[in-house]
Amino acid sequence: LNGVASGKNSEMLIDFMLPVSDVSLAEAPGFFNSAKGSPTNVAVAISKLGGKSVFIGKLGDVKFGHMLAKILK
């Protein structure tokens, strides 16, 4: 196997961030989300460098799991 392992105890996750920084959470107009976590970061970096990457793991059969799967494709 030629490649880089992200780690056996890592996770993909979703960060929810405010689109503005000068308001409280209660006053925020909404949030945007972004895929994060070491498996996501490694896969994206390898792809941007022209390599091929795969994710071997589990994603939930829910909206956020579907979103992560779509991002990885």
PDB file of N, CA and C in Angstrom:
ATOM      1  N   LEU A   1       0.858  -1.187   0.000  1.00  0.00           N
ATOM      2  CA  LEU A   1       0.000   0.000   0.000  1.00  0.00           C
ATOM      3  C   LEU A   1       0.890   1.232   0.000  1.00  0.00           C
ATOM      4  N   ASN A   2       0.772   2.039  -1.020  1.00  0.00           N
ATOM      5  CA  ASN A   2       1.489   3.314  -1.107  1.00  0.00           C
ATOM      6  C   ASN A   2       0.525   4.422  -0.714  1.00  0.00           C
ATOM      7  N   GLY A   3       0.729   5.063   0.375  1.00  0.00           N
ATOM      8  CA  GLY A   3      -0.195   6.132   0.736  1.00  0.00           C
ATOM      9  C   GLY A   3       0.027   6.645   2.132  1.00  0.00           C
ATOM     10  N   VAL A   4      -0.917   7.445   2.569  1.00  0.00           N
ATOM     11  CA  VAL A   4      -0.853   8.078   3.881  1.00  0.00           C
ATOM     12  C   VAL A   4      -2.091   7.664   4.659  1.00  0.00           C
ATOM     13  N   ALA A   5      -1.907   7.240   5.873  1.00  0.00           N
ATOM     14  CA  ALA A   5      -3.042   6.911   6.731  1.00  0.00           C
ATOM     15  C   ALA A   5      -3.364   8.108   7.602  1.00  0.00           C
ATOM     16  N   SER A   6      -4.636   8.416   7.717  1.00  0.00           N
ATOM     17  CA  SER A   6      -5.060   9.559   8.506  1.00  0.00           C
ATOM     18  C   SER A   6      -5.083   9.237   9.992  1.00  0.00           C
ATOM     19  N   GLY A   7      -5.200   8.012  10.341  1.00  0.00           N
ATOM     20  CA  GLY A   7      -5.272   7.638  11.744  1.00  0.00           C
ATOM     21  C   GLY A   7      -6.483   6.777  12.001  1.00  0.00           C
ATOM     22  N   LYS A   8      -6.349   5.815  12.875  1.00  0.00           N
ATOM     23  CA  LYS A   8      -7.451   4.881  13.082  1.00  0.00           C
ATOM     24  C   LYS A   8      -8.542   5.436  13.986  1.00  0.00           C
ATOM     25  N   ASN A   9      -8.263   6.455  14.747  1.00  0.00           N
ATOM     26  CA  ASN A   9      -9.254   7.016  15.667  1.00  0.00           C
ATOM     27  C   ASN A   9      -9.610   8.444  15.299  1.00  0.00           C
ATOM     28  N   SER A  10      -9.832   8.693  14.043  1.00  0.00           N
ATOM     29  CA  SER A  10     -10.183  10.048  13.617  1.00  0.00           C
ATOM     30  C   SER A  10     -11.629  10.065  13.159  1.00  0.00           C
ATOM     31  N   GLU A  11     -12.147  11.256  12.984  1.00  0.00           N
ATOM     32  CA  GLU A  11     -13.552  11.367  12.616  1.00  0.00           C
ATOM     33  C   GLU A  11     -13.779  12.496  11.626  1.00  0.00           C
ATOM     34  N   MET A  12     -14.807  12.304  10.811  1.00  0.00           N
ATOM     35  CA  MET A  12     -15.279  13.392   9.956  1.00  0.00           C
ATOM     36  C   MET A  12     -16.338  14.122  10.763  1.00  0.00           C
ATOM     37  N   LEU A  13     -16.384  15.420  10.614  1.00  0.00           N
ATOM     38  CA  LEU A  13     -17.390  16.185  11.330  1.00  0.00           C
ATOM     39  C   LEU A  13     -17.778  17.413  10.532  1.00  0.00           C
ATOM     40  N   ILE A  14     -18.778  18.091  11.010  1.00  0.00           N
ATOM     41  CA  ILE A  14     -19.285  19.289  10.342  1.00  0.00           C
ATOM     42  C   ILE A  14     -19.211  20.448  11.327  1.00  0.00           C
ATOM     43  N   ASP A  15     -18.542  21.515  10.915  1.00  0.00           N
ATOM     44  CA  ASP A  15     -18.516  22.741  11.715  1.00  0.00           C
ATOM     45  C   ASP A  15     -19.660  23.637  11.252  1.00  0.00           C
ATOM     46  N   PHE A  16     -20.355  24.230  12.202  1.00  0.00           N
ATOM     47  CA  PHE A  16     -21.380  25.222  11.895  1.00  0.00           C
ATOM     48  C   PHE A  16     -20.816  26.581  12.273  1.00  0.00           C
ATOM     49  N   MET A  17     -20.741  27.476  11.304  1.00  0.00           N
ATOM     50  CA  MET A  17     -20.094  28.770  11.529  1.00  0.00           C
ATOM     51  C   MET A  17     -21.033  29.911  11.182  1.00  0.00           C
ATOM     52  N   LEU A  18     -20.817  31.024  11.859  1.00  0.00           N
ATOM     53  CA  LEU A  18     -21.589  32.228  11.586  1.00  0.00           C
ATOM     54  C   LEU A  18     -21.031  32.931  10.352  1.00  0.00           C
ATOM     55  N   PRO A  19     -21.891  33.491   9.516  1.00  0.00           N
ATOM     56  CA  PRO A  19     -21.401  34.219   8.353  1.00  0.00           C
ATOM     57  C   PRO A  19     -20.877  35.617   8.693  1.00  0.00           C
ATOM     58  N   VAL A  20     -21.135  36.062   9.910  1.00  0.00           N
ATOM     59  CA  VAL A  20     -20.663  37.376  10.367  1.00  0.00           C
ATOM     60  C   VAL A  20     -20.016  37.200  11.741  1.00  0.00           C
ATOM     61  N   SER A  21     -19.150  38.124  12.125  1.00  0.00           N
ATOM     62  CA  SER A  21     -18.461  37.968  13.405  1.00  0.00           C
ATOM     63  C   SER A  21     -18.834  39.022  14.432  1.00  0.00           C
ATOM     64  N   ASP A  22     -19.694  39.940  14.077  1.00  0.00           N
ATOM     65  CA  ASP A  22     -19.976  41.049  15.000  1.00  0.00           C
ATOM     66  C   ASP A  22     -21.346  40.960  15.671  1.00  0.00           C
ATOM     67  N   VAL A  23     -21.919  39.749  15.727  1.00  0.00           N
ATOM     68  CA  VAL A  23     -23.215  39.576  16.379  1.00  0.00           C
ATOM     69  C   VAL A  23     -23.155  38.358  17.308  1.00  0.00           C
ATOM     70  N   SER A  24     -24.095  38.315  18.244  1.00  0.00           N
ATOM     71  CA  SER A  24     -24.185  37.169  19.142  1.00  0.00           C
ATOM     72  C   SER A  24     -24.863  36.005  18.418  1.00  0.00           C
ATOM     73  N   LEU A  25     -24.796  34.835  19.006  1.00  0.00           N
ATOM     74  CA  LEU A  25     -25.473  33.674  18.410  1.00  0.00           C
ATOM     75  C   LEU A  25     -26.973  33.929  18.251  1.00  0.00           C
ATOM     76  N   ALA A  26     -27.567  34.590  19.234  1.00  0.00           N
ATOM     77  CA  ALA A  26     -29.004  34.872  19.191  1.00  0.00           C
ATOM     78  C   ALA A  26     -29.373  35.820  18.051  1.00  0.00           C
ATOM     79  N   GLU A  27     -28.451  36.688  17.654  1.00  0.00           N
ATOM     80  CA  GLU A  27     -28.723  37.670  16.603  1.00  0.00           C
ATOM     81  C   GLU A  27     -28.234  37.216  15.222  1.00  0.00           C
ATOM     82  N   ALA A  28     -27.620  36.053  15.163  1.00  0.00           N
ATOM     83  CA  ALA A  28     -27.045  35.584  13.901  1.00  0.00           C
ATOM     84  C   ALA A  28     -28.133  35.347  12.856  1.00  0.00           C
ATOM     85  N   PRO A  29     -27.856  35.733  11.611  1.00  0.00           N
ATOM     86  CA  PRO A  29     -28.838  35.526  10.547  1.00  0.00           C
ATOM     87  C   PRO A  29     -28.940  34.067  10.115  1.00  0.00           C
ATOM     88  N   GLY A  30     -28.050  33.230  10.560  1.00  0.00           N
ATOM     89  CA  GLY A  30     -28.036  31.812  10.198  1.00  0.00           C
ATOM     90  C   GLY A  30     -26.622  31.269  10.312  1.00  0.00           C
ATOM     91  N   PHE A  31     -26.443  30.078   9.841  1.00  0.00           N
ATOM     92  CA  PHE A  31     -25.145  29.422   9.901  1.00  0.00           C
ATOM     93  C   PHE A  31     -24.810  28.836   8.542  1.00  0.00           C
ATOM     94  N   PHE A  32     -23.531  28.602   8.298  1.00  0.00           N
ATOM     95  CA  PHE A  32     -23.149  27.782   7.157  1.00  0.00           C
ATOM     96  C   PHE A  32     -22.296  26.651   7.699  1.00  0.00           C
ATOM     97  N   ASN A  33     -22.269  25.543   6.972  1.00  0.00           N
ATOM     98  CA  ASN A  33     -21.532  24.397   7.480  1.00  0.00           C
ATOM     99  C   ASN A  33     -20.365  24.064   6.567  1.00  0.00           C
ATOM    100  N   SER A  34     -19.408  23.372   7.147  1.00  0.00           N
ATOM    101  CA  SER A  34     -18.191  23.016   6.433  1.00  0.00           C
ATOM    102  C   SER A  34     -17.693  21.675   6.952  1.00  0.00           C
ATOM    103  N   ALA A  35     -17.322  20.779   6.035  1.00  0.00           N
ATOM    104  CA  ALA A  35     -16.786  19.476   6.433  1.00  0.00           C
ATOM    105  C   ALA A  35     -15.391  19.659   7.012  1.00  0.00           C
ATOM    106  N   LYS A  36     -15.125  19.011   8.110  1.00  0.00           N
ATOM    107  CA  LYS A  36     -13.839  19.117   8.800  1.00  0.00           C
ATOM    108  C   LYS A  36     -13.418  17.745   9.302  1.00  0.00           C
ATOM    109  N   GLY A  37     -12.315  17.709  10.005  1.00  0.00           N
ATOM    110  CA  GLY A  37     -11.788  16.485  10.577  1.00  0.00           C
ATOM    111  C   GLY A  37     -10.630  15.967   9.748  1.00  0.00           C
ATOM    112  N   SER A  38      -9.731  15.238  10.383  1.00  0.00           N
ATOM    113  CA  SER A  38      -8.514  14.811   9.689  1.00  0.00           C
ATOM    114  C   SER A  38      -8.769  13.938   8.466  1.00  0.00           C
ATOM    115  N   PRO A  39      -9.749  13.014   8.454  1.00  0.00           N
ATOM    116  CA  PRO A  39      -9.958  12.252   7.218  1.00  0.00           C
ATOM    117  C   PRO A  39     -10.349  13.143   6.042  1.00  0.00           C
ATOM    118  N   THR A  40     -11.184  14.118   6.312  1.00  0.00           N
ATOM    119  CA  THR A  40     -11.594  15.055   5.259  1.00  0.00           C
ATOM    120  C   THR A  40     -10.411  15.889   4.793  1.00  0.00           C
ATOM    121  N   ASN A  41      -9.654  16.428   5.722  1.00  0.00           N
ATOM    122  CA  ASN A  41      -8.511  17.273   5.372  1.00  0.00           C
ATOM    123  C   ASN A  41      -7.474  16.514   4.551  1.00  0.00           C
ATOM    124  N   VAL A  42      -7.161  15.291   4.945  1.00  0.00           N
ATOM    125  CA  VAL A  42      -6.164  14.497   4.222  1.00  0.00           C
ATOM    126  C   VAL A  42      -6.669  14.140   2.827  1.00  0.00           C
ATOM    127  N   ALA A  43      -7.905  13.701   2.722  1.00  0.00           N
ATOM    128  CA  ALA A  43      -8.461  13.323   1.415  1.00  0.00           C
ATOM    129  C   ALA A  43      -8.485  14.511   0.455  1.00  0.00           C
ATOM    130  N   VAL A  44      -8.892  15.661   0.936  1.00  0.00           N
ATOM    131  CA  VAL A  44      -8.947  16.861   0.090  1.00  0.00           C
ATOM    132  C   VAL A  44      -7.540  17.296  -0.321  1.00  0.00           C
ATOM    133  N   ALA A  45      -6.604  17.281   0.614  1.00  0.00           N
ATOM    134  CA  ALA A  45      -5.227  17.691   0.299  1.00  0.00           C
ATOM    135  C   ALA A  45      -4.604  16.772  -0.747  1.00  0.00           C
ATOM    136  N   ILE A  46      -4.784  15.473  -0.598  1.00  0.00           N
ATOM    137  CA  ILE A  46      -4.243  14.521  -1.570  1.00  0.00           C
ATOM    138  C   ILE A  46      -4.851  14.759  -2.945  1.00  0.00           C
ATOM    139  N   SER A  47      -6.154  14.959  -2.994  1.00  0.00           N
ATOM    140  CA  SER A  47      -6.829  15.211  -4.273  1.00  0.00           C
ATOM    141  C   SER A  47      -6.345  16.498  -4.923  1.00  0.00           C
ATOM    142  N   LYS A  48      -6.158  17.557  -4.124  1.00  0.00           N
ATOM    143  CA  LYS A  48      -5.681  18.838  -4.664  1.00  0.00           C
ATOM    144  C   LYS A  48      -4.262  18.725  -5.215  1.00  0.00           C
ATOM    145  N   LEU A  49      -3.484  17.779  -4.677  1.00  0.00           N
ATOM    146  CA  LEU A  49      -2.122  17.566  -5.157  1.00  0.00           C
ATOM    147  C   LEU A  49      -2.071  16.600  -6.341  1.00  0.00           C
ATOM    148  N   GLY A  50      -3.248  16.189  -6.823  1.00  0.00           N
ATOM    149  CA  GLY A  50      -3.311  15.321  -7.993  1.00  0.00           C
ATOM    150  C   GLY A  50      -3.342  13.840  -7.677  1.00  0.00           C
ATOM    151  N   GLY A  51      -3.386  13.492  -6.411  1.00  0.00           N
ATOM    152  CA  GLY A  51      -3.424  12.086  -6.025  1.00  0.00           C
ATOM    153  C   GLY A  51      -4.845  11.571  -5.925  1.00  0.00           C
ATOM    154  N   LYS A  52      -4.949  10.282  -5.657  1.00  0.00           N
ATOM    155  CA  LYS A  52      -6.254   9.656  -5.454  1.00  0.00           C
ATOM    156  C   LYS A  52      -6.386   9.320  -3.976  1.00  0.00           C
ATOM    157  N   SER A  53      -7.555   9.529  -3.445  1.00  0.00           N
ATOM    158  CA  SER A  53      -7.782   9.231  -2.037  1.00  0.00           C
ATOM    159  C   SER A  53      -9.114   8.519  -1.879  1.00  0.00           C
ATOM    160  N   VAL A  54      -9.241   7.798  -0.791  1.00  0.00           N
ATOM    161  CA  VAL A  54     -10.497   7.114  -0.470  1.00  0.00           C
ATOM    162  C   VAL A  54     -10.788   7.311   1.014  1.00  0.00           C
ATOM    163  N   PHE A  55     -12.039   7.226   1.334  1.00  0.00           N
ATOM    164  CA  PHE A  55     -12.461   7.242   2.733  1.00  0.00           C
ATOM    165  C   PHE A  55     -12.983   5.852   3.059  1.00  0.00           C
ATOM    166  N   ILE A  56     -12.399   5.221   4.048  1.00  0.00           N
ATOM    167  CA  ILE A  56     -12.865   3.913   4.502  1.00  0.00           C
ATOM    168  C   ILE A  56     -13.403   4.118   5.907  1.00  0.00           C
ATOM    169  N   GLY A  57     -14.688   4.038   6.036  1.00  0.00           N
ATOM    170  CA  GLY A  57     -15.313   4.288   7.326  1.00  0.00           C
ATOM    171  C   GLY A  57     -16.812   4.253   7.183  1.00  0.00           C
ATOM    172  N   LYS A  58     -17.498   4.820   8.121  1.00  0.00           N
ATOM    173  CA  LYS A  58     -18.959   4.841   8.134  1.00  0.00           C
ATOM    174  C   LYS A  58     -19.455   6.270   8.226  1.00  0.00           C
ATOM    175  N   LEU A  59     -20.535   6.537   7.510  1.00  0.00           N
ATOM    176  CA  LEU A  59     -21.265   7.797   7.636  1.00  0.00           C
ATOM    177  C   LEU A  59     -22.709   7.436   7.948  1.00  0.00           C
ATOM    178  N   GLY A  60     -23.346   8.236   8.752  1.00  0.00           N
ATOM    179  CA  GLY A  60     -24.736   7.968   9.086  1.00  0.00           C
ATOM    180  C   GLY A  60     -25.660   8.150   7.893  1.00  0.00           C
ATOM    181  N   ASP A  61     -26.756   7.387   7.888  1.00  0.00           N
ATOM    182  CA  ASP A  61     -27.760   7.487   6.826  1.00  0.00           C
ATOM    183  C   ASP A  61     -28.754   8.588   7.193  1.00  0.00           C
ATOM    184  N   VAL A  62     -28.198   9.794   7.360  1.00  0.00           N
ATOM    185  CA  VAL A  62     -28.970  10.980   7.719  1.00  0.00           C
ATOM    186  C   VAL A  62     -28.489  12.136   6.850  1.00  0.00           C
ATOM    187  N   LYS A  63     -29.147  13.261   6.959  1.00  0.00           N
ATOM    188  CA  LYS A  63     -28.832  14.421   6.116  1.00  0.00           C
ATOM    189  C   LYS A  63     -27.349  14.790   6.159  1.00  0.00           C
ATOM    190  N   PHE A  64     -26.757  14.837   7.344  1.00  0.00           N
ATOM    191  CA  PHE A  64     -25.358  15.240   7.450  1.00  0.00           C
ATOM    192  C   PHE A  64     -24.419  14.185   6.883  1.00  0.00           C
ATOM    193  N   GLY A  65     -24.740  12.916   7.079  1.00  0.00           N
ATOM    194  CA  GLY A  65     -23.941  11.849   6.472  1.00  0.00           C
ATOM    195  C   GLY A  65     -23.982  11.920   4.957  1.00  0.00           C
ATOM    196  N   HIS A  66     -25.151  12.193   4.396  1.00  0.00           N
ATOM    197  CA  HIS A  66     -25.297  12.335   2.938  1.00  0.00           C
ATOM    198  C   HIS A  66     -24.500  13.538   2.441  1.00  0.00           C
ATOM    199  N   MET A  67     -24.513  14.633   3.220  1.00  0.00           N
ATOM    200  CA  MET A  67     -23.759  15.816   2.830  1.00  0.00           C
ATOM    201  C   MET A  67     -22.263  15.513   2.792  1.00  0.00           C
ATOM    202  N   LEU A  68     -21.745  14.821   3.804  1.00  0.00           N
ATOM    203  CA  LEU A  68     -20.327  14.476   3.840  1.00  0.00           C
ATOM    204  C   LEU A  68     -19.954  13.568   2.668  1.00  0.00           C
ATOM    205  N   ALA A  69     -20.805  12.602   2.360  1.00  0.00           N
ATOM    206  CA  ALA A  69     -20.540  11.701   1.231  1.00  0.00           C
ATOM    207  C   ALA A  69     -20.479  12.484  -0.078  1.00  0.00           C
ATOM    208  N   LYS A  70     -21.373  13.440  -0.244  1.00  0.00           N
ATOM    209  CA  LYS A  70     -21.397  14.256  -1.458  1.00  0.00           C
ATOM    210  C   LYS A  70     -20.116  15.097  -1.571  1.00  0.00           C
ATOM    211  N   ILE A  71     -19.675  15.661  -0.460  1.00  0.00           N
ATOM    212  CA  ILE A  71     -18.453  16.481  -0.467  1.00  0.00           C
ATOM    213  C   ILE A  71     -17.250  15.631  -0.864  1.00  0.00           C
ATOM    214  N   LEU A  72     -17.180  14.417  -0.355  1.00  0.00           N
ATOM    215  CA  LEU A  72     -16.045  13.548  -0.651  1.00  0.00           C
ATOM    216  C   LEU A  72     -16.009  13.098  -2.110  1.00  0.00           C
ATOM    217  N   LYS A  73     -17.167  13.045  -2.743  1.00  0.00           N
ATOM    218  CA  LYS A  73     -17.196  12.642  -4.170  1.00  0.00           C
ATOM    219  C   LYS A  73     -16.663  13.763  -5.022  1.00  0.00           C
TER     220      LYS A  73
END
